Amino acid sequence: MKRRLLARGGLWLWVWAVLAFLFGPIITIVIFSFDRSNIETWPIRSWTWSWYQVAWHDEQVRQAFVLSIKAACAATALALVLGSLAAFGVHRAKFFGRDTISLLLVLPIALPGIITGVALHSTFQWAGIDLSIWTIIIGHTTFCIVVVYNNVIARLRRTSSTLFEASADLGASAHQTFRFVTLPLIATALVSGGLLAFALSFDEVIVTTFTAGAQNTLPIWIFGAIRLGQQLPEVNVVVTAVVILMFIPIVIAARLTGRDNFAAPRTPRTN
């Protein structure tokens, strides 16, 4: 009994140590965003909200924020369409090399971002395409597809094919089956995949650096301000806002995914 309690206590201690290691730096940045001083020192002697006002009225930050939102929304929309089509194709069609194609679809998120960024940059230069917001969207879509694809194909694999057969037996067309049967079944997978794709796209910096050109997204602005050592209090504010903006869709996606994975099946009522 004592060994079990000691083992459980050790596991909990290890969990809290890992959480402190992961989230300690983020919490530190949030705390320093309220520091009145330009120089980060501990303990903080004076607290203020003024840096939030400075960041809000900074035109460069606002333009970078708007550009990041536009790129993330467009990349998410493309990923939802392409990732869903790929999931349906791999799940429903039987052909030689299906597992290989599934692996290739997942590969972009496993590759280091710098490799993807350099490859995209070289491709755009070879094709004579000028770097713009569209190249950012293309670059982000390459790895956002993976998130949507994984969510949708996992849901399709857990869905019984008898539902679609029953819909066809009742006289429903393929369009009606997709609208009234398939789409409701994969709706939460699409929402959670889209939210995760948006969060992943919004804070991407490495791929964006190679595909943005003169465009200045929010992660690039943060990286440049830290590298130059200027506007550090304002950087803390912007990073805090980015963390909050990323945290919301990730939590919603996790709750949707967890509810679908662990929800108990309903027993049909009988008269």
C-alpha atoms as a PDB file:
ATOM      1  CA  MET A   1       0.000   0.000   0.000  1.00  0.00           C
ATOM      2  CA  LYS A   2       2.821   2.401   0.895  1.00  0.00           C
ATOM      3  CA  ARG A   3       4.645   1.590  -2.338  1.00  0.00           C
ATOM      4  CA  ARG A   4       1.508   2.318  -4.312  1.00  0.00           C
ATOM      5  CA  LEU A   5       1.048   5.658  -2.563  1.00  0.00           C
ATOM      6  CA  LEU A   6       4.704   6.544  -3.098  1.00  0.00           C
ATOM      7  CA  ALA A   7       4.478   5.588  -6.770  1.00  0.00           C
ATOM      8  CA  ARG A   8       1.323   7.649  -7.234  1.00  0.00           C
ATOM      9  CA  GLY A   9       2.889  10.597  -5.433  1.00  0.00           C
ATOM     10  CA  GLY A  10       6.001  10.317  -7.576  1.00  0.00           C
ATOM     11  CA  LEU A  11       3.936  10.265 -10.762  1.00  0.00           C
ATOM     12  CA  TRP A  12       1.971  13.335  -9.708  1.00  0.00           C
ATOM     13  CA  LEU A  13       5.208  15.121  -8.818  1.00  0.00           C
ATOM     14  CA  TRP A  14       6.631  14.256 -12.210  1.00  0.00           C
ATOM     15  CA  VAL A  15       3.489  15.480 -13.972  1.00  0.00           C
ATOM     16  CA  TRP A  16       3.600  18.829 -12.171  1.00  0.00           C
ATOM     17  CA  ALA A  17       7.322  19.160 -12.898  1.00  0.00           C
ATOM     18  CA  VAL A  18       6.694  18.610 -16.621  1.00  0.00           C
ATOM     19  CA  LEU A  19       3.800  21.103 -16.610  1.00  0.00           C
ATOM     20  CA  ALA A  20       5.983  23.677 -14.841  1.00  0.00           C
ATOM     21  CA  PHE A  21       8.745  23.116 -17.398  1.00  0.00           C
ATOM     22  CA  LEU A  22       6.312  23.574 -20.305  1.00  0.00           C
ATOM     23  CA  PHE A  23       4.166  26.434 -19.047  1.00  0.00           C
ATOM     24  CA  GLY A  24       6.567  28.220 -16.688  1.00  0.00           C
ATOM     25  CA  PRO A  25       8.128  30.379 -19.448  1.00  0.00           C
ATOM     26  CA  ILE A  26       4.684  31.259 -20.843  1.00  0.00           C
ATOM     27  CA  ILE A  27       3.418  32.322 -17.421  1.00  0.00           C
ATOM     28  CA  THR A  28       6.588  34.390 -16.951  1.00  0.00           C
ATOM     29  CA  ILE A  29       5.943  36.261 -20.210  1.00  0.00           C
ATOM     30  CA  VAL A  30       2.348  36.960 -19.173  1.00  0.00           C
ATOM     31  CA  ILE A  31       3.506  38.329 -15.812  1.00  0.00           C
ATOM     32  CA  PHE A  32       6.172  40.566 -17.382  1.00  0.00           C
ATOM     33  CA  SER A  33       3.604  42.005 -19.799  1.00  0.00           C
ATOM     34  CA  PHE A  34       2.278  43.979 -16.785  1.00  0.00           C
ATOM     35  CA  ASP A  35       5.710  45.300 -15.791  1.00  0.00           C
ATOM     36  CA  ARG A  36       5.996  49.090 -16.077  1.00  0.00           C
ATOM     37  CA  SER A  37       9.769  48.982 -16.591  1.00  0.00           C
ATOM     38  CA  ASN A  38      11.436  48.553 -19.993  1.00  0.00           C
ATOM     39  CA  ILE A  39      13.997  46.227 -18.404  1.00  0.00           C
ATOM     40  CA  GLU A  40      12.788  42.873 -17.150  1.00  0.00           C
ATOM     41  CA  THR A  41      13.827  42.471 -13.530  1.00  0.00           C
ATOM     42  CA  TRP A  42      12.477  40.366 -10.707  1.00  0.00           C
ATOM     43  CA  PRO A  43      10.649  41.103  -8.535  1.00  0.00           C
ATOM     44  CA  ILE A  44       8.395  43.453 -10.473  1.00  0.00           C
ATOM     45  CA  ARG A  45       8.227  46.773  -8.634  1.00  0.00           C
ATOM     46  CA  SER A  46       5.382  48.449 -10.500  1.00  0.00           C
ATOM     47  CA  TRP A  47       2.432  47.083 -12.454  1.00  0.00           C
ATOM     48  CA  THR A  48       0.652  48.663 -15.403  1.00  0.00           C
ATOM     49  CA  TRP A  49      -1.717  48.060 -18.325  1.00  0.00           C
ATOM     50  CA  SER A  50      -0.014  50.716 -20.450  1.00  0.00           C
ATOM     51  CA  TRP A  51       1.917  48.275 -22.651  1.00  0.00           C
ATOM     52  CA  TYR A  52      -1.366  46.744 -23.815  1.00  0.00           C
ATOM     53  CA  GLN A  53      -2.458  50.188 -24.986  1.00  0.00           C
ATOM     54  CA  VAL A  54       0.877  50.695 -26.733  1.00  0.00           C
ATOM     55  CA  ALA A  55       0.565  47.365 -28.541  1.00  0.00           C
ATOM     56  CA  TRP A  56      -3.041  48.066 -29.514  1.00  0.00           C
ATOM     57  CA  HIS A  57      -2.142  51.403 -31.108  1.00  0.00           C
ATOM     58  CA  ASP A  58       1.000  50.090 -32.834  1.00  0.00           C
ATOM     59  CA  GLU A  59       0.214  50.122 -36.556  1.00  0.00           C
ATOM     60  CA  GLN A  60       2.809  47.446 -37.390  1.00  0.00           C
ATOM     61  CA  VAL A  61       1.347  45.058 -34.833  1.00  0.00           C
ATOM     62  CA  ARG A  62      -2.184  45.627 -36.074  1.00  0.00           C
ATOM     63  CA  GLN A  63      -1.221  45.075 -39.706  1.00  0.00           C
ATOM     64  CA  ALA A  64       0.717  41.919 -38.809  1.00  0.00           C
ATOM     65  CA  PHE A  65      -2.222  40.673 -36.746  1.00  0.00           C
ATOM     66  CA  VAL A  66      -4.706  41.223 -39.591  1.00  0.00           C
ATOM     67  CA  LEU A  67      -2.393  39.495 -42.077  1.00  0.00           C
ATOM     68  CA  SER A  68      -1.962  36.507 -39.751  1.00  0.00           C
ATOM     69  CA  ILE A  69      -5.733  36.204 -39.316  1.00  0.00           C
ATOM     70  CA  LYS A  70      -6.329  36.354 -43.089  1.00  0.00           C
ATOM     71  CA  ALA A  71      -3.650  33.754 -43.839  1.00  0.00           C
ATOM     72  CA  ALA A  72      -4.847  31.427 -41.050  1.00  0.00           C
ATOM     73  CA  CYS A  73      -8.510  31.643 -42.135  1.00  0.00           C
ATOM     74  CA  ALA A  74      -7.703  31.023 -45.805  1.00  0.00           C
ATOM     75  CA  ALA A  75      -5.324  28.148 -45.018  1.00  0.00           C
ATOM     76  CA  THR A  76      -7.911  26.596 -42.700  1.00  0.00           C
ATOM     77  CA  ALA A  77     -10.636  26.806 -45.362  1.00  0.00           C
ATOM     78  CA  LEU A  78      -8.416  25.162 -47.987  1.00  0.00           C
ATOM     79  CA  ALA A  79      -7.274  22.511 -45.512  1.00  0.00           C
ATOM     80  CA  LEU A  80     -10.878  21.655 -44.635  1.00  0.00           C
ATOM     81  CA  VAL A  81     -11.752  21.064 -48.282  1.00  0.00           C
ATOM     82  CA  LEU A  82      -8.576  19.262 -49.358  1.00  0.00           C
ATOM     83  CA  GLY A  83      -8.107  17.315 -46.113  1.00  0.00           C
ATOM     84  CA  SER A  84     -11.718  16.079 -46.137  1.00  0.00           C
ATOM     85  CA  LEU A  85     -11.528  15.023 -49.789  1.00  0.00           C
ATOM     86  CA  ALA A  86      -8.279  13.171 -49.129  1.00  0.00           C
ATOM     87  CA  ALA A  87      -9.781  11.418 -46.097  1.00  0.00           C
ATOM     88  CA  PHE A  88     -12.847  10.288 -48.072  1.00  0.00           C
ATOM     89  CA  GLY A  89     -10.686   9.094 -50.951  1.00  0.00           C
ATOM     90  CA  VAL A  90      -8.294   7.090 -48.775  1.00  0.00           C
ATOM     91  CA  HIS A  91     -11.057   5.642 -46.589  1.00  0.00           C
ATOM     92  CA  ARG A  92     -13.616   4.626 -49.220  1.00  0.00           C
ATOM     93  CA  ALA A  93     -11.469   3.703 -52.221  1.00  0.00           C
ATOM     94  CA  LYS A  94      -9.376   0.549 -52.283  1.00  0.00           C
ATOM     95  CA  PHE A  95      -6.317   0.779 -54.496  1.00  0.00           C
ATOM     96  CA  PHE A  96      -2.668  -0.204 -54.562  1.00  0.00           C
ATOM     97  CA  GLY A  97      -0.460   2.112 -52.500  1.00  0.00           C
ATOM     98  CA  ARG A  98      -3.252   3.510 -50.320  1.00  0.00           C
ATOM     99  CA  ASP A  99      -1.137   3.231 -47.155  1.00  0.00           C
ATOM    100  CA  THR A 100       1.742   4.996 -48.890  1.00  0.00           C
ATOM    101  CA  ILE A 101      -0.509   7.891 -49.895  1.00  0.00           C
ATOM    102  CA  SER A 102      -1.820   8.112 -46.339  1.00  0.00           C
ATOM    103  CA  LEU A 103       1.780   8.314 -45.086  1.00  0.00           C
ATOM    104  CA  LEU A 104       2.645  11.030 -47.615  1.00  0.00           C
ATOM    105  CA  LEU A 105      -0.363  13.071 -46.501  1.00  0.00           C
ATOM    106  CA  VAL A 106       0.802  12.968 -42.880  1.00  0.00           C
ATOM    107  CA  LEU A 107       4.492  13.523 -43.689  1.00  0.00           C
ATOM    108  CA  PRO A 108       4.487  17.378 -43.950  1.00  0.00           C
ATOM    109  CA  ILE A 109       3.700  17.842 -40.263  1.00  0.00           C
ATOM    110  CA  ALA A 110       6.481  15.404 -39.309  1.00  0.00           C
ATOM    111  CA  LEU A 111       9.122  17.248 -41.337  1.00  0.00           C
ATOM    112  CA  PRO A 112      10.998  20.131 -39.683  1.00  0.00           C
ATOM    113  CA  GLY A 113       9.481  23.457 -40.641  1.00  0.00           C
ATOM    114  CA  ILE A 114      12.746  24.737 -42.079  1.00  0.00           C
ATOM    115  CA  ILE A 115      12.811  21.905 -44.635  1.00  0.00           C
ATOM    116  CA  THR A 116       9.257  22.644 -45.737  1.00  0.00           C
ATOM    117  CA  GLY A 117      10.005  26.362 -45.874  1.00  0.00           C
ATOM    118  CA  VAL A 118      13.180  25.997 -47.949  1.00  0.00           C
ATOM    119  CA  ALA A 119      11.461  23.559 -50.319  1.00  0.00           C
ATOM    120  CA  LEU A 120       8.503  25.898 -50.846  1.00  0.00           C
ATOM    121  CA  HIS A 121      10.773  28.907 -51.304  1.00  0.00           C
ATOM    122  CA  SER A 122      12.829  27.087 -53.944  1.00  0.00           C
ATOM    123  CA  THR A 123       9.655  25.936 -55.702  1.00  0.00           C
ATOM    124  CA  PHE A 124       8.219  29.448 -55.819  1.00  0.00           C
ATOM    125  CA  GLN A 125      11.493  30.836 -57.166  1.00  0.00           C
ATOM    126  CA  TRP A 126      11.712  28.113 -59.829  1.00  0.00           C
ATOM    127  CA  ALA A 127       8.109  28.761 -60.901  1.00  0.00           C
ATOM    128  CA  GLY A 128       8.627  32.521 -60.942  1.00  0.00           C
ATOM    129  CA  ILE A 129       5.966  33.164 -58.288  1.00  0.00           C
ATOM    130  CA  ASP A 130       6.400  36.317 -56.232  1.00  0.00           C
ATOM    131  CA  LEU A 131       6.167  35.877 -52.483  1.00  0.00           C
ATOM    132  CA  SER A 132       2.916  37.281 -51.123  1.00  0.00           C
ATOM    133  CA  ILE A 133       0.045  36.397 -48.826  1.00  0.00           C
ATOM    134  CA  TRP A 134      -0.924  33.656 -51.285  1.00  0.00           C
ATOM    135  CA  THR A 135       2.424  31.910 -50.899  1.00  0.00           C
ATOM    136  CA  ILE A 136       1.962  32.095 -47.122  1.00  0.00           C
ATOM    137  CA  ILE A 137      -1.476  30.490 -47.483  1.00  0.00           C
ATOM    138  CA  ILE A 138      -0.078  27.721 -49.699  1.00  0.00           C
ATOM    139  CA  GLY A 139       2.728  27.044 -47.249  1.00  0.00           C
ATOM    140  CA  HIS A 140       0.385  26.884 -44.263  1.00  0.00           C
ATOM    141  CA  THR A 141      -2.105  24.697 -46.106  1.00  0.00           C
ATOM    142  CA  THR A 142       0.540  21.999 -46.620  1.00  0.00           C
ATOM    143  CA  PHE A 143       0.645  21.159 -42.910  1.00  0.00           C
ATOM    144  CA  CYS A 144      -2.897  22.229 -41.967  1.00  0.00           C
ATOM    145  CA  ILE A 145      -4.234  19.524 -44.303  1.00  0.00           C
ATOM    146  CA  VAL A 146      -2.669  16.909 -42.043  1.00  0.00           C
ATOM    147  CA  VAL A 147      -4.689  17.987 -38.999  1.00  0.00           C
ATOM    148  CA  VAL A 148      -7.985  17.942 -40.878  1.00  0.00           C
ATOM    149  CA  TYR A 149      -7.153  14.671 -42.630  1.00  0.00           C
ATOM    150  CA  ASN A 150      -6.323  12.890 -39.368  1.00  0.00           C
ATOM    151  CA  ASN A 151      -9.526  14.068 -37.663  1.00  0.00           C
ATOM    152  CA  VAL A 152     -11.846  13.219 -40.544  1.00  0.00           C
ATOM    153  CA  ILE A 153     -10.365   9.811 -41.408  1.00  0.00           C
ATOM    154  CA  ALA A 154     -10.395   8.813 -37.723  1.00  0.00           C
ATOM    155  CA  ARG A 155     -14.100   9.633 -37.567  1.00  0.00           C
ATOM    156  CA  LEU A 156     -14.844   7.763 -40.789  1.00  0.00           C
ATOM    157  CA  ARG A 157     -13.050   4.678 -39.503  1.00  0.00           C
ATOM    158  CA  ARG A 158     -15.222   4.705 -36.354  1.00  0.00           C
ATOM    159  CA  THR A 159     -18.425   5.103 -38.375  1.00  0.00           C
ATOM    160  CA  SER A 160     -20.263   1.964 -39.448  1.00  0.00           C
ATOM    161  CA  SER A 161     -20.808   1.627 -43.200  1.00  0.00           C
ATOM    162  CA  THR A 162     -24.283   0.216 -42.531  1.00  0.00           C
ATOM    163  CA  LEU A 163     -25.516   3.779 -41.938  1.00  0.00           C
ATOM    164  CA  PHE A 164     -24.698   4.738 -45.515  1.00  0.00           C
ATOM    165  CA  GLU A 165     -26.131   1.470 -46.838  1.00  0.00           C
ATOM    166  CA  ALA A 166     -29.358   2.058 -44.928  1.00  0.00           C
ATOM    167  CA  SER A 167     -29.597   5.564 -46.364  1.00  0.00           C
ATOM    168  CA  ALA A 168     -29.215   4.173 -49.891  1.00  0.00           C
ATOM    169  CA  ASP A 169     -31.796   1.439 -49.213  1.00  0.00           C
ATOM    170  CA  LEU A 170     -34.290   4.116 -48.148  1.00  0.00           C
ATOM    171  CA  GLY A 171     -33.901   5.793 -51.527  1.00  0.00           C
ATOM    172  CA  ALA A 172     -31.581   8.655 -50.628  1.00  0.00           C
ATOM    173  CA  SER A 173     -29.279   9.934 -53.322  1.00  0.00           C
ATOM    174  CA  ALA A 174     -25.541  10.341 -52.791  1.00  0.00           C
ATOM    175  CA  HIS A 175     -26.024  14.066 -52.189  1.00  0.00           C
ATOM    176  CA  GLN A 176     -28.800  13.447 -49.643  1.00  0.00           C
ATOM    177  CA  THR A 177     -26.739  10.797 -47.862  1.00  0.00           C
ATOM    178  CA  PHE A 178     -23.806  13.188 -47.566  1.00  0.00           C
ATOM    179  CA  ARG A 179     -26.022  16.052 -46.359  1.00  0.00           C
ATOM    180  CA  PHE A 180     -28.193  14.197 -43.838  1.00  0.00           C
ATOM    181  CA  VAL A 181     -25.923  11.310 -42.749  1.00  0.00           C
ATOM    182  CA  THR A 182     -22.252  11.848 -43.501  1.00  0.00           C
ATOM    183  CA  LEU A 183     -21.944  15.547 -42.741  1.00  0.00           C
ATOM    184  CA  PRO A 184     -23.621  15.374 -39.297  1.00  0.00           C
ATOM    185  CA  LEU A 185     -21.397  12.420 -38.393  1.00  0.00           C
ATOM    186  CA  ILE A 186     -18.155  14.196 -39.262  1.00  0.00           C
ATOM    187  CA  ALA A 187     -19.258  17.702 -38.211  1.00  0.00           C
ATOM    188  CA  THR A 188     -17.377  17.747 -34.919  1.00  0.00           C
ATOM    189  CA  ALA A 189     -14.291  16.268 -36.607  1.00  0.00           C
ATOM    190  CA  LEU A 190     -14.383  19.093 -39.148  1.00  0.00           C
ATOM    191  CA  VAL A 191     -14.826  21.731 -36.455  1.00  0.00           C
ATOM    192  CA  SER A 192     -12.038  20.390 -34.247  1.00  0.00           C
ATOM    193  CA  GLY A 193      -9.733  19.896 -37.249  1.00  0.00           C
ATOM    194  CA  GLY A 194     -10.454  23.429 -38.459  1.00  0.00           C
ATOM    195  CA  LEU A 195      -9.800  24.949 -35.038  1.00  0.00           C
ATOM    196  CA  LEU A 196      -6.509  23.077 -34.673  1.00  0.00           C
ATOM    197  CA  ALA A 197      -5.495  24.044 -38.209  1.00  0.00           C
ATOM    198  CA  PHE A 198      -6.241  27.707 -37.477  1.00  0.00           C
ATOM    199  CA  ALA A 199      -4.167  27.641 -34.273  1.00  0.00           C
ATOM    200  CA  LEU A 200      -1.323  25.852 -36.049  1.00  0.00           C
ATOM    201  CA  SER A 201      -1.332  28.323 -38.923  1.00  0.00           C
ATOM    202  CA  PHE A 202      -1.631  31.437 -36.790  1.00  0.00           C
ATOM    203  CA  ASP A 203       1.593  30.898 -34.825  1.00  0.00           C
ATOM    204  CA  GLU A 204       3.717  29.368 -37.596  1.00  0.00           C
ATOM    205  CA  VAL A 205       6.946  31.316 -38.038  1.00  0.00           C
ATOM    206  CA  ILE A 206       9.508  29.140 -39.838  1.00  0.00           C
ATOM    207  CA  VAL A 207       7.497  28.306 -42.960  1.00  0.00           C
ATOM    208  CA  THR A 208       6.108  31.841 -42.974  1.00  0.00           C
ATOM    209  CA  THR A 209       9.607  33.316 -42.960  1.00  0.00           C
ATOM    210  CA  PHE A 210      10.468  31.530 -46.217  1.00  0.00           C
ATOM    211  CA  THR A 211       7.129  32.224 -47.937  1.00  0.00           C
ATOM    212  CA  ALA A 212       6.217  35.720 -46.726  1.00  0.00           C
ATOM    213  CA  GLY A 213       8.702  37.871 -48.605  1.00  0.00           C
ATOM    214  CA  ALA A 214       8.072  41.482 -47.534  1.00  0.00           C
ATOM    215  CA  GLN A 215       4.888  40.484 -45.697  1.00  0.00           C
ATOM    216  CA  ASN A 216       5.066  40.842 -41.923  1.00  0.00           C
ATOM    217  CA  THR A 217       2.912  38.403 -39.957  1.00  0.00           C
ATOM    218  CA  LEU A 218       2.586  38.509 -36.202  1.00  0.00           C
ATOM    219  CA  PRO A 219       5.064  35.668 -35.447  1.00  0.00           C
ATOM    220  CA  ILE A 220       7.621  37.283 -37.777  1.00  0.00           C
ATOM    221  CA  TRP A 221       7.143  40.636 -36.017  1.00  0.00           C
ATOM    222  CA  ILE A 222       7.695  38.947 -32.637  1.00  0.00           C
ATOM    223  CA  PHE A 223      10.815  37.176 -33.879  1.00  0.00           C
ATOM    224  CA  GLY A 224      12.255  40.387 -35.340  1.00  0.00           C
ATOM    225  CA  ALA A 225      11.554  42.448 -32.213  1.00  0.00           C
ATOM    226  CA  ILE A 226      13.204  39.843 -29.977  1.00  0.00           C
ATOM    227  CA  ARG A 227      16.221  39.529 -32.283  1.00  0.00           C
ATOM    228  CA  LEU A 228      16.778  43.287 -32.288  1.00  0.00           C
ATOM    229  CA  GLY A 229      16.204  43.513 -28.540  1.00  0.00           C
ATOM    230  CA  GLN A 230      13.721  46.355 -28.891  1.00  0.00           C
ATOM    231  CA  GLN A 231      10.135  46.735 -27.672  1.00  0.00           C
ATOM    232  CA  LEU A 232      10.450  43.762 -25.306  1.00  0.00           C
ATOM    233  CA  PRO A 233       7.526  44.841 -23.053  1.00  0.00           C
ATOM    234  CA  GLU A 234       5.360  45.192 -26.155  1.00  0.00           C
ATOM    235  CA  VAL A 235       6.552  41.770 -27.324  1.00  0.00           C
ATOM    236  CA  ASN A 236       5.396  40.267 -24.029  1.00  0.00           C
ATOM    237  CA  VAL A 237       1.947  41.764 -24.577  1.00  0.00           C
ATOM    238  CA  VAL A 238       1.706  40.461 -28.151  1.00  0.00           C
ATOM    239  CA  VAL A 239       2.897  36.995 -27.113  1.00  0.00           C
ATOM    240  CA  THR A 240       0.266  36.945 -24.343  1.00  0.00           C
ATOM    241  CA  ALA A 241      -2.442  37.808 -26.870  1.00  0.00           C
ATOM    242  CA  VAL A 242      -1.204  35.092 -29.257  1.00  0.00           C
ATOM    243  CA  VAL A 243      -1.203  32.480 -26.474  1.00  0.00           C
ATOM    244  CA  ILE A 244      -4.781  33.371 -25.508  1.00  0.00           C
ATOM    245  CA  LEU A 245      -5.924  33.347 -29.129  1.00  0.00           C
ATOM    246  CA  MET A 246      -4.335  29.916 -29.682  1.00  0.00           C
ATOM    247  CA  PHE A 247      -5.532  28.497 -26.363  1.00  0.00           C
ATOM    248  CA  ILE A 248      -9.223  29.035 -27.096  1.00  0.00           C
ATOM    249  CA  PRO A 249      -9.519  26.965 -30.316  1.00  0.00           C
ATOM    250  CA  ILE A 250      -7.245  24.241 -28.953  1.00  0.00           C
ATOM    251  CA  VAL A 251      -9.392  23.820 -25.816  1.00  0.00           C
ATOM    252  CA  ILE A 252     -12.599  23.767 -27.868  1.00  0.00           C
ATOM    253  CA  ALA A 253     -11.119  21.203 -30.279  1.00  0.00           C
ATOM    254  CA  ALA A 254      -9.904  19.036 -27.390  1.00  0.00           C
ATOM    255  CA  ARG A 255     -13.344  19.077 -25.760  1.00  0.00           C
ATOM    256  CA  LEU A 256     -15.056  18.181 -29.031  1.00  0.00           C
ATOM    257  CA  THR A 257     -12.614  15.360 -29.723  1.00  0.00           C
ATOM    258  CA  GLY A 258     -12.791  14.031 -26.168  1.00  0.00           C
ATOM    259  CA  ARG A 259     -16.586  14.124 -26.106  1.00  0.00           C
ATOM    260  CA  ASP A 260     -16.783  12.109 -29.328  1.00  0.00           C
ATOM    261  CA  ASN A 261     -14.185   9.581 -28.209  1.00  0.00           C
ATOM    262  CA  PHE A 262     -15.626   8.876 -24.768  1.00  0.00           C
ATOM    263  CA  ALA A 263     -19.328   9.503 -25.182  1.00  0.00           C
ATOM    264  CA  ALA A 264     -21.384   6.466 -24.269  1.00  0.00           C
ATOM    265  CA  PRO A 265     -23.543   5.083 -27.069  1.00  0.00           C
ATOM    266  CA  ARG A 266     -27.221   5.716 -26.661  1.00  0.00           C
ATOM    267  CA  THR A 267     -29.555   2.809 -26.355  1.00  0.00           C
ATOM    268  CA  PRO A 268     -32.592   3.107 -28.639  1.00  0.00           C
ATOM    269  CA  ARG A 269     -35.889   3.420 -26.845  1.00  0.00           C
ATOM    270  CA  THR A 270     -38.400   0.667 -27.252  1.00  0.00           C
ATOM    271  CA  ASN A 271     -42.122   0.969 -26.792  1.00  0.00           C
END
